[in-house]
Structure formats: C-alpha cells, structure tokens
PDB file of all heavy atoms in Angstrom:
ATOM      1  N   THR A   1      -4.174  -7.007   5.714  1.00  0.00           N
ATOM      2  CA  THR A   1      -3.496  -7.052   7.020  1.00  0.00           C
ATOM      3  C   THR A   1      -3.112  -5.652   7.481  1.00  0.00           C
ATOM      4  O   THR A   1      -3.256  -5.312   8.662  1.00  0.00           O
ATOM      5  CB  THR A   1      -2.247  -7.949   6.928  1.00  0.00           C
ATOM      6  OG1 THR A   1      -2.645  -9.267   6.544  1.00  0.00           O
ATOM      7  CG2 THR A   1      -1.526  -8.017   8.267  1.00  0.00           C
ATOM      8  N   ILE A   2      -2.627  -4.844   6.563  1.00  0.00           N
ATOM      9  CA  ILE A   2      -2.268  -3.464   6.904  1.00  0.00           C
ATOM     10  C   ILE A   2      -3.509  -2.671   7.283  1.00  0.00           C
ATOM     11  O   ILE A   2      -3.515  -1.910   8.263  1.00  0.00           O
ATOM     12  CB  ILE A   2      -1.532  -2.810   5.714  1.00  0.00           C
ATOM     13  CG1 ILE A   2      -0.169  -3.488   5.506  1.00  0.00           C
ATOM     14  CG2 ILE A   2      -1.355  -1.302   5.941  1.00  0.00           C
ATOM     15  CD1 ILE A   2       0.509  -3.131   4.208  1.00  0.00           C
ATOM     16  N   ARG A   3      -4.581  -2.877   6.554  1.00  0.00           N
ATOM     17  CA  ARG A   3      -5.812  -2.126   6.824  1.00  0.00           C
ATOM     18  C   ARG A   3      -6.389  -2.464   8.204  1.00  0.00           C
ATOM     19  O   ARG A   3      -6.964  -1.594   8.869  1.00  0.00           O
ATOM     20  CB  ARG A   3      -6.846  -2.411   5.741  1.00  0.00           C
ATOM     21  CG  ARG A   3      -6.510  -1.789   4.385  1.00  0.00           C
ATOM     22  CD  ARG A   3      -7.626  -2.049   3.385  1.00  0.00           C
ATOM     23  NE  ARG A   3      -8.880  -1.535   3.916  1.00  0.00           N
ATOM     24  CZ  ARG A   3     -10.080  -2.045   3.608  1.00  0.00           C
ATOM     25  NH1 ARG A   3     -10.188  -3.089   2.798  1.00  0.00           N
ATOM     26  NH2 ARG A   3     -11.170  -1.514   4.123  1.00  0.00           N
ATOM     27  N   THR A   4      -6.245  -3.722   8.644  1.00  0.00           N
ATOM     28  CA  THR A   4      -6.772  -4.071   9.972  1.00  0.00           C
ATOM     29  C   THR A   4      -6.082  -3.266  11.068  1.00  0.00           C
ATOM     30  O   THR A   4      -6.651  -3.057  12.139  1.00  0.00           O
ATOM     31  CB  THR A   4      -6.583  -5.574  10.268  1.00  0.00           C
ATOM     32  OG1 THR A   4      -5.192  -5.902  10.212  1.00  0.00           O
ATOM     33  CG2 THR A   4      -7.342  -6.424   9.263  1.00  0.00           C
ATOM     34  N   ARG A   5      -4.872  -2.805  10.793  1.00  0.00           N
ATOM     35  CA  ARG A   5      -4.135  -2.029  11.787  1.00  0.00           C
ATOM     36  C   ARG A   5      -4.339  -0.527  11.647  1.00  0.00           C
ATOM     37  O   ARG A   5      -4.174   0.210  12.621  1.00  0.00           O
ATOM     38  CB  ARG A   5      -2.629  -2.343  11.679  1.00  0.00           C
ATOM     39  CG  ARG A   5      -2.265  -3.714  12.237  1.00  0.00           C
ATOM     40  CD  ARG A   5      -0.901  -4.168  11.740  1.00  0.00           C
ATOM     41  NE  ARG A   5      -0.415  -5.332  12.481  1.00  0.00           N
ATOM     42  CZ  ARG A   5      -0.857  -6.567  12.293  1.00  0.00           C
ATOM     43  NH1 ARG A   5      -1.794  -6.799  11.399  1.00  0.00           N
ATOM     44  NH2 ARG A   5      -0.365  -7.578  13.009  1.00  0.00           N
ATOM     45  N   PHE A   6      -4.714  -0.050  10.454  1.00  0.00           N
ATOM     46  CA  PHE A   6      -4.706   1.395  10.229  1.00  0.00           C
ATOM     47  C   PHE A   6      -6.023   2.000   9.751  1.00  0.00           C
ATOM     48  O   PHE A   6      -6.157   3.221   9.736  1.00  0.00           O
ATOM     49  CB  PHE A   6      -3.595   1.751   9.223  1.00  0.00           C
ATOM     50  CG  PHE A   6      -2.222   1.547   9.770  1.00  0.00           C
ATOM     51  CD1 PHE A   6      -1.501   0.403   9.460  1.00  0.00           C
ATOM     52  CD2 PHE A   6      -1.640   2.485  10.613  1.00  0.00           C
ATOM     53  CE1 PHE A   6      -0.234   0.198   9.973  1.00  0.00           C
ATOM     54  CE2 PHE A   6      -0.375   2.297  11.131  1.00  0.00           C
ATOM     55  CZ  PHE A   6       0.332   1.141  10.802  1.00  0.00           C
ATOM     56  N   ASP A   7      -7.013   1.188   9.373  1.00  0.00           N
ATOM     57  CA  ASP A   7      -8.273   1.752   8.872  1.00  0.00           C
ATOM     58  C   ASP A   7      -8.943   2.679   9.884  1.00  0.00           C
ATOM     59  O   ASP A   7      -9.595   3.658   9.507  1.00  0.00           O
ATOM     60  CB  ASP A   7      -9.246   0.638   8.479  1.00  0.00           C
ATOM     61  CG  ASP A   7      -9.094   0.237   7.018  1.00  0.00           C
ATOM     62  OD1 ASP A   7      -8.183   0.777   6.348  1.00  0.00           O
ATOM     63  OD2 ASP A   7      -9.867  -0.620   6.550  1.00  0.00           O
ATOM     64  N   LYS A   8      -8.811   2.367  11.155  1.00  0.00           N
ATOM     65  CA  LYS A   8      -9.484   3.172  12.181  1.00  0.00           C
ATOM     66  C   LYS A   8      -8.595   4.284  12.734  1.00  0.00           C
ATOM     67  O   LYS A   8      -8.900   4.876  13.766  1.00  0.00           O
ATOM     68  CB  LYS A   8      -9.950   2.259  13.316  1.00  0.00           C
ATOM     69  CG  LYS A   8     -11.032   1.272  12.878  1.00  0.00           C
ATOM     70  CD  LYS A   8     -11.512   0.405  14.038  1.00  0.00           C
ATOM     71  CE  LYS A   8     -12.592  -0.570  13.580  1.00  0.00           C
ATOM     72  NZ  LYS A   8     -13.070  -1.434  14.695  1.00  0.00           N
ATOM     73  N   THR A   9      -7.512   4.568  12.025  1.00  0.00           N
ATOM     74  CA  THR A   9      -6.625   5.667  12.415  1.00  0.00           C
ATOM     75  C   THR A   9      -6.644   6.733  11.326  1.00  0.00           C
ATOM     76  O   THR A   9      -7.299   6.570  10.281  1.00  0.00           O
ATOM     77  CB  THR A   9      -5.176   5.171  12.608  1.00  0.00           C
ATOM     78  OG1 THR A   9      -4.593   4.907  11.331  1.00  0.00           O
ATOM     79  CG2 THR A   9      -5.141   3.904  13.454  1.00  0.00           C
ATOM     80  N   ASP A  10      -5.918   7.810  11.566  1.00  0.00           N
ATOM     81  CA  ASP A  10      -5.808   8.848  10.539  1.00  0.00           C
ATOM     82  C   ASP A  10      -4.513   8.715   9.742  1.00  0.00           C
ATOM     83  O   ASP A  10      -4.141   9.621   8.993  1.00  0.00           O
ATOM     84  CB  ASP A  10      -5.884  10.245  11.169  1.00  0.00           C
ATOM     85  CG  ASP A  10      -4.773  10.477  12.195  1.00  0.00           C
ATOM     86  OD1 ASP A  10      -3.974   9.549  12.451  1.00  0.00           O
ATOM     87  OD2 ASP A  10      -4.708  11.595  12.730  1.00  0.00           O
ATOM     88  N   LYS A  11      -3.849   7.597   9.881  1.00  0.00           N
ATOM     89  CA  LYS A  11      -2.587   7.377   9.155  1.00  0.00           C
ATOM     90  C   LYS A  11      -2.912   6.862   7.756  1.00  0.00           C
ATOM     91  O   LYS A  11      -3.376   5.735   7.588  1.00  0.00           O
ATOM     92  CB  LYS A  11      -1.709   6.398   9.926  1.00  0.00           C
ATOM     93  CG  LYS A  11      -1.298   6.907  11.302  1.00  0.00           C
ATOM     94  CD  LYS A  11      -0.384   5.928  12.008  1.00  0.00           C
ATOM     95  CE  LYS A  11      -0.050   6.406  13.420  1.00  0.00           C
ATOM     96  NZ  LYS A  11       0.695   7.670  13.411  1.00  0.00           N
ATOM     97  N   ARG A  12      -2.649   7.686   6.765  1.00  0.00           N
ATOM     98  CA  ARG A  12      -3.053   7.362   5.397  1.00  0.00           C
ATOM     99  C   ARG A  12      -1.933   7.497   4.368  1.00  0.00           C
ATOM    100  O   ARG A  12      -2.065   7.041   3.242  1.00  0.00           O
ATOM    101  CB  ARG A  12      -4.225   8.250   4.970  1.00  0.00           C
ATOM    102  CG  ARG A  12      -5.559   7.897   5.625  1.00  0.00           C
ATOM    103  CD  ARG A  12      -6.040   6.542   5.115  1.00  0.00           C
ATOM    104  NE  ARG A  12      -7.350   6.166   5.621  1.00  0.00           N
ATOM    105  CZ  ARG A  12      -7.541   5.544   6.754  1.00  0.00           C
ATOM    106  NH1 ARG A  12      -6.514   5.229   7.525  1.00  0.00           N
ATOM    107  NH2 ARG A  12      -8.753   5.214   7.140  1.00  0.00           N
ATOM    108  N   LYS A  13      -0.824   8.130   4.724  1.00  0.00           N
ATOM    109  CA  LYS A  13       0.256   8.330   3.758  1.00  0.00           C
ATOM    110  C   LYS A  13       1.122   7.066   3.672  1.00  0.00           C
ATOM    111  O   LYS A  13       1.710   6.641   4.660  1.00  0.00           O
ATOM    112  CB  LYS A  13       1.124   9.520   4.159  1.00  0.00           C
ATOM    113  CG  LYS A  13       0.423  10.869   4.022  1.00  0.00           C
ATOM    114  CD  LYS A  13       1.378  12.008   4.357  1.00  0.00           C
ATOM    115  CE  LYS A  13       0.689  13.356   4.185  1.00  0.00           C
ATOM    116  NZ  LYS A  13       1.604  14.482   4.528  1.00  0.00           N
ATOM    117  N   VAL A  14       1.184   6.507   2.469  1.00  0.00           N
ATOM    118  CA  VAL A  14       1.879   5.238   2.260  1.00  0.00           C
ATOM    119  C   VAL A  14       2.911   5.381   1.150  1.00  0.00           C
ATOM    120  O   VAL A  14       2.624   5.957   0.096  1.00  0.00           O
ATOM    121  CB  VAL A  14       0.883   4.118   1.879  1.00  0.00           C
ATOM    122  CG1 VAL A  14       1.624   2.794   1.683  1.00  0.00           C
ATOM    123  CG2 VAL A  14      -0.210   3.982   2.918  1.00  0.00           C
ATOM    124  N   VAL A  15       4.103   4.861   1.403  1.00  0.00           N
ATOM    125  CA  VAL A  15       5.108   4.710   0.348  1.00  0.00           C
ATOM    126  C   VAL A  15       5.411   3.227   0.215  1.00  0.00           C
ATOM    127  O   VAL A  15       5.706   2.548   1.206  1.00  0.00           O
ATOM    128  CB  VAL A  15       6.403   5.482   0.660  1.00  0.00           C
ATOM    129  CG1 VAL A  15       7.471   5.159  -0.395  1.00  0.00           C
ATOM    130  CG2 VAL A  15       6.144   6.979   0.683  1.00  0.00           C
ATOM    131  N   VAL A  16       5.320   2.738  -1.029  1.00  0.00           N
ATOM    132  CA  VAL A  16       5.621   1.330  -1.299  1.00  0.00           C
ATOM    133  C   VAL A  16       6.916   1.266  -2.095  1.00  0.00           C
ATOM    134  O   VAL A  16       7.006   1.834  -3.192  1.00  0.00           O
ATOM    135  CB  VAL A  16       4.488   0.642  -2.079  1.00  0.00           C
ATOM    136  CG1 VAL A  16       4.758  -0.861  -2.180  1.00  0.00           C
ATOM    137  CG2 VAL A  16       3.141   0.891  -1.416  1.00  0.00           C
ATOM    138  N   LEU A  17       7.921   0.598  -1.533  1.00  0.00           N
ATOM    139  CA  LEU A  17       9.204   0.404  -2.208  1.00  0.00           C
ATOM    140  C   LEU A  17       9.166  -0.937  -2.924  1.00  0.00           C
ATOM    141  O   LEU A  17       9.058  -1.991  -2.278  1.00  0.00           O
ATOM    142  CB  LEU A  17      10.344   0.426  -1.188  1.00  0.00           C
ATOM    143  CG  LEU A  17      10.469   1.697  -0.349  1.00  0.00           C
ATOM    144  CD1 LEU A  17      11.486   1.487   0.770  1.00  0.00           C
ATOM    145  CD2 LEU A  17      10.866   2.876  -1.213  1.00  0.00           C
ATOM    146  N   CYS A  18       9.223  -0.901  -4.250  1.00  0.00           N
ATOM    147  CA  CYS A  18       9.063  -2.135  -5.023  1.00  0.00           C
ATOM    148  C   CYS A  18      10.325  -2.499  -5.784  1.00  0.00           C
ATOM    149  O   CYS A  18      10.996  -1.641  -6.371  1.00  0.00           O
ATOM    150  CB  CYS A  18       7.908  -1.988  -6.025  1.00  0.00           C
ATOM    151  SG  CYS A  18       6.281  -1.880  -5.258  1.00  0.00           S
ATOM    152  N   GLY A  19      10.660  -3.794  -5.764  1.00  0.00           N
ATOM    153  CA  GLY A  19      11.741  -4.311  -6.583  1.00  0.00           C
ATOM    154  C   GLY A  19      11.224  -4.690  -7.953  1.00  0.00           C
ATOM    155  O   GLY A  19      10.050  -4.431  -8.292  1.00  0.00           O
ATOM    156  N   LYS A  20      12.062  -5.334  -8.742  1.00  0.00           N
ATOM    157  CA  LYS A  20      11.678  -5.651 -10.120  1.00  0.00           C
ATOM    158  C   LYS A  20      11.181  -7.089 -10.282  1.00  0.00           C
ATOM    159  O   LYS A  20      10.807  -7.494 -11.381  1.00  0.00           O
ATOM    160  CB  LYS A  20      12.845  -5.406 -11.058  1.00  0.00           C
ATOM    161  CG  LYS A  20      14.077  -6.254 -10.789  1.00  0.00           C
ATOM    162  CD  LYS A  20      15.205  -5.880 -11.750  1.00  0.00           C
ATOM    163  CE  LYS A  20      16.452  -6.729 -11.490  1.00  0.00           C
ATOM    164  NZ  LYS A  20      17.562  -6.361 -12.412  1.00  0.00           N
ATOM    165  N   GLY A  21      11.159  -7.852  -9.169  1.00  0.00           N
ATOM    166  CA  GLY A  21      10.738  -9.241  -9.251  1.00  0.00           C
ATOM    167  C   GLY A  21       9.337  -9.463  -8.708  1.00  0.00           C
ATOM    168  O   GLY A  21       8.509  -8.545  -8.646  1.00  0.00           O
ATOM    169  N   LYS A  22       9.101 -10.718  -8.274  1.00  0.00           N
ATOM    170  CA  LYS A  22       7.748 -11.073  -7.819  1.00  0.00           C
ATOM    171  C   LYS A  22       7.362 -10.356  -6.529  1.00  0.00           C
ATOM    172  O   LYS A  22       6.188 -10.052  -6.320  1.00  0.00           O
ATOM    173  CB  LYS A  22       7.653 -12.588  -7.636  1.00  0.00           C
ATOM    174  CG  LYS A  22       7.758 -13.362  -8.945  1.00  0.00           C
ATOM    175  CD  LYS A  22       7.373 -14.823  -8.762  1.00  0.00           C
ATOM    176  CE  LYS A  22       8.328 -15.550  -7.855  1.00  0.00           C
ATOM    177  NZ  LYS A  22       7.992 -16.985  -7.705  1.00  0.00           N
ATOM    178  N   ASN A  23       8.320 -10.101  -5.665  1.00  0.00           N
ATOM    179  CA  ASN A  23       7.999  -9.379  -4.435  1.00  0.00           C
ATOM    180  C   ASN A  23       7.507  -7.975  -4.766  1.00  0.00           C
ATOM    181  O   ASN A  23       6.568  -7.477  -4.144  1.00  0.00           O
ATOM    182  CB  ASN A  23       9.230  -9.322  -3.526  1.00  0.00           C
ATOM    183  CG  ASN A  23       8.908  -8.940  -2.104  1.00  0.00           C
ATOM    184  OD1 ASN A  23       9.274  -7.874  -1.642  1.00  0.00           O
ATOM    185  ND2 ASN A  23       8.211  -9.812  -1.384  1.00  0.00           N
ATOM    186  N   GLY A  24       8.131  -7.369  -5.776  1.00  0.00           N
ATOM    187  CA  GLY A  24       7.645  -6.076  -6.237  1.00  0.00           C
ATOM    188  C   GLY A  24       6.230  -6.173  -6.780  1.00  0.00           C
ATOM    189  O   GLY A  24       5.411  -5.271  -6.574  1.00  0.00           O
ATOM    190  N   GLY A  25       5.932  -7.295  -7.447  1.00  0.00           N
ATOM    191  CA  GLY A  25       4.568  -7.503  -7.946  1.00  0.00           C
ATOM    192  C   GLY A  25       3.553  -7.544  -6.815  1.00  0.00           C
ATOM    193  O   GLY A  25       2.463  -6.959  -6.911  1.00  0.00           O
ATOM    194  N   ASP A  26       3.898  -8.220  -5.725  1.00  0.00           N
ATOM    195  CA  ASP A  26       3.028  -8.223  -4.545  1.00  0.00           C
ATOM    196  C   ASP A  26       2.821  -6.796  -4.045  1.00  0.00           C
ATOM    197  O   ASP A  26       1.729  -6.416  -3.623  1.00  0.00           O
ATOM    198  CB  ASP A  26       3.640  -9.068  -3.426  1.00  0.00           C
ATOM    199  CG  ASP A  26       3.757 -10.549  -3.770  1.00  0.00           C
ATOM    200  OD1 ASP A  26       3.057 -10.997  -4.706  1.00  0.00           O
ATOM    201  OD2 ASP A  26       4.545 -11.238  -3.105  1.00  0.00           O
ATOM    202  N   GLY A  27       3.902  -6.004  -4.074  1.00  0.00           N
ATOM    203  CA  GLY A  27       3.817  -4.617  -3.627  1.00  0.00           C
ATOM    204  C   GLY A  27       2.907  -3.781  -4.508  1.00  0.00           C
ATOM    205  O   GLY A  27       2.164  -2.927  -4.006  1.00  0.00           O
ATOM    206  N   PHE A  28       2.947  -4.019  -5.833  1.00  0.00           N
ATOM    207  CA  PHE A  28       2.059  -3.278  -6.730  1.00  0.00           C
ATOM    208  C   PHE A  28       0.594  -3.560  -6.397  1.00  0.00           C
ATOM    209  O   PHE A  28      -0.247  -2.658  -6.391  1.00  0.00           O
ATOM    210  CB  PHE A  28       2.333  -3.663  -8.192  1.00  0.00           C
ATOM    211  CG  PHE A  28       3.712  -3.296  -8.680  1.00  0.00           C
ATOM    212  CD1 PHE A  28       4.395  -4.142  -9.552  1.00  0.00           C
ATOM    213  CD2 PHE A  28       4.315  -2.115  -8.288  1.00  0.00           C
ATOM    214  CE1 PHE A  28       5.666  -3.817 -10.013  1.00  0.00           C
ATOM    215  CE2 PHE A  28       5.602  -1.779  -8.743  1.00  0.00           C
ATOM    216  CZ  PHE A  28       6.272  -2.638  -9.606  1.00  0.00           C
ATOM    217  N   VAL A  29       0.295  -4.835  -6.134  1.00  0.00           N
ATOM    218  CA  VAL A  29      -1.088  -5.197  -5.782  1.00  0.00           C
ATOM    219  C   VAL A  29      -1.489  -4.527  -4.468  1.00  0.00           C
ATOM    220  O   VAL A  29      -2.585  -3.962  -4.351  1.00  0.00           O
ATOM    221  CB  VAL A  29      -1.232  -6.731  -5.671  1.00  0.00           C
ATOM    222  CG1 VAL A  29      -2.658  -7.086  -5.223  1.00  0.00           C
ATOM    223  CG2 VAL A  29      -0.916  -7.405  -6.989  1.00  0.00           C
ATOM    224  N   ALA A  30      -0.617  -4.603  -3.463  1.00  0.00           N
ATOM    225  CA  ALA A  30      -0.928  -3.989  -2.174  1.00  0.00           C
ATOM    226  C   ALA A  30      -1.153  -2.486  -2.328  1.00  0.00           C
ATOM    227  O   ALA A  30      -2.081  -1.915  -1.728  1.00  0.00           O
ATOM    228  CB  ALA A  30       0.208  -4.256  -1.186  1.00  0.00           C
ATOM    229  N   ALA A  31      -0.315  -1.839  -3.148  1.00  0.00           N
ATOM    230  CA  ALA A  31      -0.474  -0.396  -3.383  1.00  0.00           C
ATOM    231  C   ALA A  31      -1.834  -0.100  -4.000  1.00  0.00           C
ATOM    232  O   ALA A  31      -2.539   0.840  -3.593  1.00  0.00           O
ATOM    233  CB  ALA A  31       0.649   0.095  -4.289  1.00  0.00           C
ATOM    234  N   ARG A  32      -2.223  -0.903  -4.993  1.00  0.00           N
ATOM    235  CA  ARG A  32      -3.515  -0.701  -5.655  1.00  0.00           C
ATOM    236  C   ARG A  32      -4.672  -0.874  -4.685  1.00  0.00           C
ATOM    237  O   ARG A  32      -5.612  -0.057  -4.646  1.00  0.00           O
ATOM    238  CB  ARG A  32      -3.619  -1.682  -6.830  1.00  0.00           C
ATOM    239  CG  ARG A  32      -4.983  -1.739  -7.501  1.00  0.00           C
ATOM    240  CD  ARG A  32      -4.906  -2.357  -8.877  1.00  0.00           C
ATOM    241  NE  ARG A  32      -4.166  -3.607  -8.919  1.00  0.00           N
ATOM    242  CZ  ARG A  32      -4.700  -4.809  -8.684  1.00  0.00           C
ATOM    243  NH1 ARG A  32      -5.993  -4.922  -8.355  1.00  0.00           N
ATOM    244  NH2 ARG A  32      -3.965  -5.907  -8.777  1.00  0.00           N
ATOM    245  N   LYS A  33      -4.618  -1.932  -3.885  1.00  0.00           N
ATOM    246  CA  LYS A  33      -5.714  -2.205  -2.949  1.00  0.00           C
ATOM    247  C   LYS A  33      -5.819  -1.112  -1.876  1.00  0.00           C
ATOM    248  O   LYS A  33      -6.921  -0.729  -1.476  1.00  0.00           O
ATOM    249  CB  LYS A  33      -5.503  -3.572  -2.295  1.00  0.00           C
ATOM    250  CG  LYS A  33      -5.632  -4.736  -3.266  1.00  0.00           C
ATOM    251  CD  LYS A  33      -7.035  -4.851  -3.832  1.00  0.00           C
ATOM    252  CE  LYS A  33      -7.174  -6.028  -4.762  1.00  0.00           C
ATOM    253  NZ  LYS A  33      -8.552  -6.141  -5.328  1.00  0.00           N
ATOM    254  N   LEU A  34      -4.698  -0.619  -1.413  1.00  0.00           N
ATOM    255  CA  LEU A  34      -4.735   0.446  -0.404  1.00  0.00           C
ATOM    256  C   LEU A  34      -5.267   1.740  -0.996  1.00  0.00           C
ATOM    257  O   LEU A  34      -6.061   2.447  -0.368  1.00  0.00           O
ATOM    258  CB  LEU A  34      -3.342   0.656   0.183  1.00  0.00           C
ATOM    259  CG  LEU A  34      -2.824  -0.478   1.081  1.00  0.00           C
ATOM    260  CD1 LEU A  34      -1.356  -0.257   1.441  1.00  0.00           C
ATOM    261  CD2 LEU A  34      -3.664  -0.590   2.357  1.00  0.00           C
ATOM    262  N   GLN A  35      -4.851   2.040  -2.243  1.00  0.00           N
ATOM    263  CA  GLN A  35      -5.358   3.244  -2.915  1.00  0.00           C
ATOM    264  C   GLN A  35      -6.874   3.162  -3.090  1.00  0.00           C
ATOM    265  O   GLN A  35      -7.604   4.133  -2.866  1.00  0.00           O
ATOM    266  CB  GLN A  35      -4.685   3.393  -4.282  1.00  0.00           C
ATOM    267  CG  GLN A  35      -5.178   4.570  -5.121  1.00  0.00           C
ATOM    268  CD  GLN A  35      -4.542   5.882  -4.734  1.00  0.00           C
ATOM    269  OE1 GLN A  35      -3.729   5.928  -3.819  1.00  0.00           O
ATOM    270  NE2 GLN A  35      -4.917   6.959  -5.395  1.00  0.00           N
ATOM    271  N   GLU A  36      -7.360   1.992  -3.459  1.00  0.00           N
ATOM    272  CA  GLU A  36      -8.803   1.801  -3.659  1.00  0.00           C
ATOM    273  C   GLU A  36      -9.586   1.980  -2.369  1.00  0.00           C
ATOM    274  O   GLU A  36     -10.796   2.242  -2.393  1.00  0.00           O
ATOM    275  CB  GLU A  36      -9.063   0.401  -4.231  1.00  0.00           C
ATOM    276  CG  GLU A  36      -8.603   0.221  -5.674  1.00  0.00           C
ATOM    277  CD  GLU A  36      -8.685  -1.218  -6.144  1.00  0.00           C
ATOM    278  OE1 GLU A  36      -8.910  -2.105  -5.278  1.00  0.00           O
ATOM    279  OE2 GLU A  36      -8.513  -1.476  -7.346  1.00  0.00           O
ATOM    280  N   ASN A  37      -8.906   1.861  -1.238  1.00  0.00           N
ATOM    281  CA  ASN A  37      -9.577   1.973   0.057  1.00  0.00           C
ATOM    282  C   ASN A  37      -9.215   3.264   0.790  1.00  0.00           C
ATOM    283  O   ASN A  37      -9.288   3.329   2.020  1.00  0.00           O
ATOM    284  CB  ASN A  37      -9.245   0.758   0.912  1.00  0.00           C
ATOM    285  CG  ASN A  37     -10.007  -0.480   0.470  1.00  0.00           C
ATOM    286  OD1 ASN A  37     -11.162  -0.669   0.838  1.00  0.00           O
ATOM    287  ND2 ASN A  37      -9.355  -1.319  -0.337  1.00  0.00           N
ATOM    288  N   GLY A  38      -8.827   4.279   0.033  1.00  0.00           N
ATOM    289  CA  GLY A  38      -8.704   5.615   0.604  1.00  0.00           C
ATOM    290  C   GLY A  38      -7.351   6.003   1.137  1.00  0.00           C
ATOM    291  O   GLY A  38      -7.219   7.059   1.769  1.00  0.00           O
ATOM    292  N   TYR A  39      -6.337   5.216   0.879  1.00  0.00           N
ATOM    293  CA  TYR A  39      -4.994   5.568   1.330  1.00  0.00           C
ATOM    294  C   TYR A  39      -4.291   6.408   0.263  1.00  0.00           C
ATOM    295  O   TYR A  39      -4.530   6.250  -0.944  1.00  0.00           O
ATOM    296  CB  TYR A  39      -4.176   4.312   1.642  1.00  0.00           C
ATOM    297  CG  TYR A  39      -4.593   3.618   2.919  1.00  0.00           C
ATOM    298  CD1 TYR A  39      -5.745   2.839   2.965  1.00  0.00           C
ATOM    299  CD2 TYR A  39      -3.847   3.755   4.079  1.00  0.00           C
ATOM    300  CE1 TYR A  39      -6.141   2.205   4.140  1.00  0.00           C
ATOM    301  CE2 TYR A  39      -4.232   3.120   5.264  1.00  0.00           C
ATOM    302  CZ  TYR A  39      -5.383   2.357   5.278  1.00  0.00           C
ATOM    303  OH  TYR A  39      -5.772   1.740   6.436  1.00  0.00           O
ATOM    304  N   ASP A  40      -3.444   7.296   0.698  1.00  0.00           N
ATOM    305  CA  ASP A  40      -2.649   8.147  -0.187  1.00  0.00           C
ATOM    306  C   ASP A  40      -1.341   7.422  -0.470  1.00  0.00           C
ATOM    307  O   ASP A  40      -0.436   7.405   0.363  1.00  0.00           O
ATOM    308  CB  ASP A  40      -2.396   9.495   0.499  1.00  0.00           C
ATOM    309  CG  ASP A  40      -1.491  10.410  -0.306  1.00  0.00           C
ATOM    310  OD1 ASP A  40      -1.252  10.117  -1.497  1.00  0.00           O
ATOM    311  OD2 ASP A  40      -1.015  11.418   0.252  1.00  0.00           O
ATOM    312  N   VAL A  41      -1.251   6.807  -1.663  1.00  0.00           N
ATOM    313  CA  VAL A  41      -0.172   5.879  -1.968  1.00  0.00           C
ATOM    314  C   VAL A  41       0.771   6.434  -3.027  1.00  0.00           C
ATOM    315  O   VAL A  41       0.343   7.023  -4.016  1.00  0.00           O
ATOM    316  CB  VAL A  41      -0.742   4.520  -2.440  1.00  0.00           C
ATOM    317  CG1 VAL A  41       0.389   3.546  -2.756  1.00  0.00           C
ATOM    318  CG2 VAL A  41      -1.672   3.927  -1.399  1.00  0.00           C
ATOM    319  N   ARG A  42       2.054   6.220  -2.805  1.00  0.00           N
ATOM    320  CA  ARG A  42       3.082   6.529  -3.801  1.00  0.00           C
ATOM    321  C   ARG A  42       4.030   5.332  -3.865  1.00  0.00           C
ATOM    322  O   ARG A  42       4.329   4.713  -2.837  1.00  0.00           O
ATOM    323  CB  ARG A  42       3.850   7.782  -3.413  1.00  0.00           C
ATOM    324  CG  ARG A  42       4.907   8.229  -4.438  1.00  0.00           C
ATOM    325  CD  ARG A  42       5.560   9.520  -4.013  1.00  0.00           C
ATOM    326  NE  ARG A  42       4.604  10.615  -4.023  1.00  0.00           N
ATOM    327  CZ  ARG A  42       4.362  11.401  -5.067  1.00  0.00           C
ATOM    328  NH1 ARG A  42       5.008  11.201  -6.197  1.00  0.00           N
ATOM    329  NH2 ARG A  42       3.482  12.381  -4.973  1.00  0.00           N
ATOM    330  N   VAL A  43       4.481   5.013  -5.088  1.00  0.00           N
ATOM    331  CA  VAL A  43       5.358   3.877  -5.306  1.00  0.00           C
ATOM    332  C   VAL A  43       6.724   4.352  -5.793  1.00  0.00           C
ATOM    333  O   VAL A  43       6.811   5.185  -6.689  1.00  0.00           O
ATOM    334  CB  VAL A  43       4.758   2.893  -6.336  1.00  0.00           C
ATOM    335  CG1 VAL A  43       5.745   1.780  -6.671  1.00  0.00           C
ATOM    336  CG2 VAL A  43       3.458   2.298  -5.807  1.00  0.00           C
ATOM    337  N   PHE A  44       7.771   3.820  -5.194  1.00  0.00           N
ATOM    338  CA  PHE A  44       9.137   4.056  -5.645  1.00  0.00           C
ATOM    339  C   PHE A  44       9.698   2.748  -6.205  1.00  0.00           C
ATOM    340  O   PHE A  44       9.668   1.714  -5.524  1.00  0.00           O
ATOM    341  CB  PHE A  44      10.034   4.540  -4.510  1.00  0.00           C
ATOM    342  CG  PHE A  44       9.734   5.933  -4.023  1.00  0.00           C
ATOM    343  CD1 PHE A  44      10.172   6.340  -2.780  1.00  0.00           C
ATOM    344  CD2 PHE A  44       9.021   6.837  -4.800  1.00  0.00           C
ATOM    345  CE1 PHE A  44       9.911   7.619  -2.306  1.00  0.00           C
ATOM    346  CE2 PHE A  44       8.748   8.120  -4.348  1.00  0.00           C
ATOM    347  CZ  PHE A  44       9.188   8.520  -3.099  1.00  0.00           C
TER     348      PHE A  44
END
C-alpha cells in the first residue's frame, strides 16, 4: 500500500517505529519488504 503511493516518487527515506507486540511484528515485515524494494529503511 505504501509503495503504490511512493514508488514513482523520489521519497525513499523511511523510519519504522516498532512496538514489542504483534503490531511491531507487522512493522518489521513492512520494513523488510520496503528495504527489498529499494527504500532506505531504519527501525526504531
């Protein structure tokens, strides 16, 4: 969903704020998928 909005732009710097529960787990997956597709990702 994020990529549909930003793949055709030059916006590539991403920070993912993750908690310690399942929502954080979703964030880890999203971070991995964005990194695999050329985004500059950092996780806090």
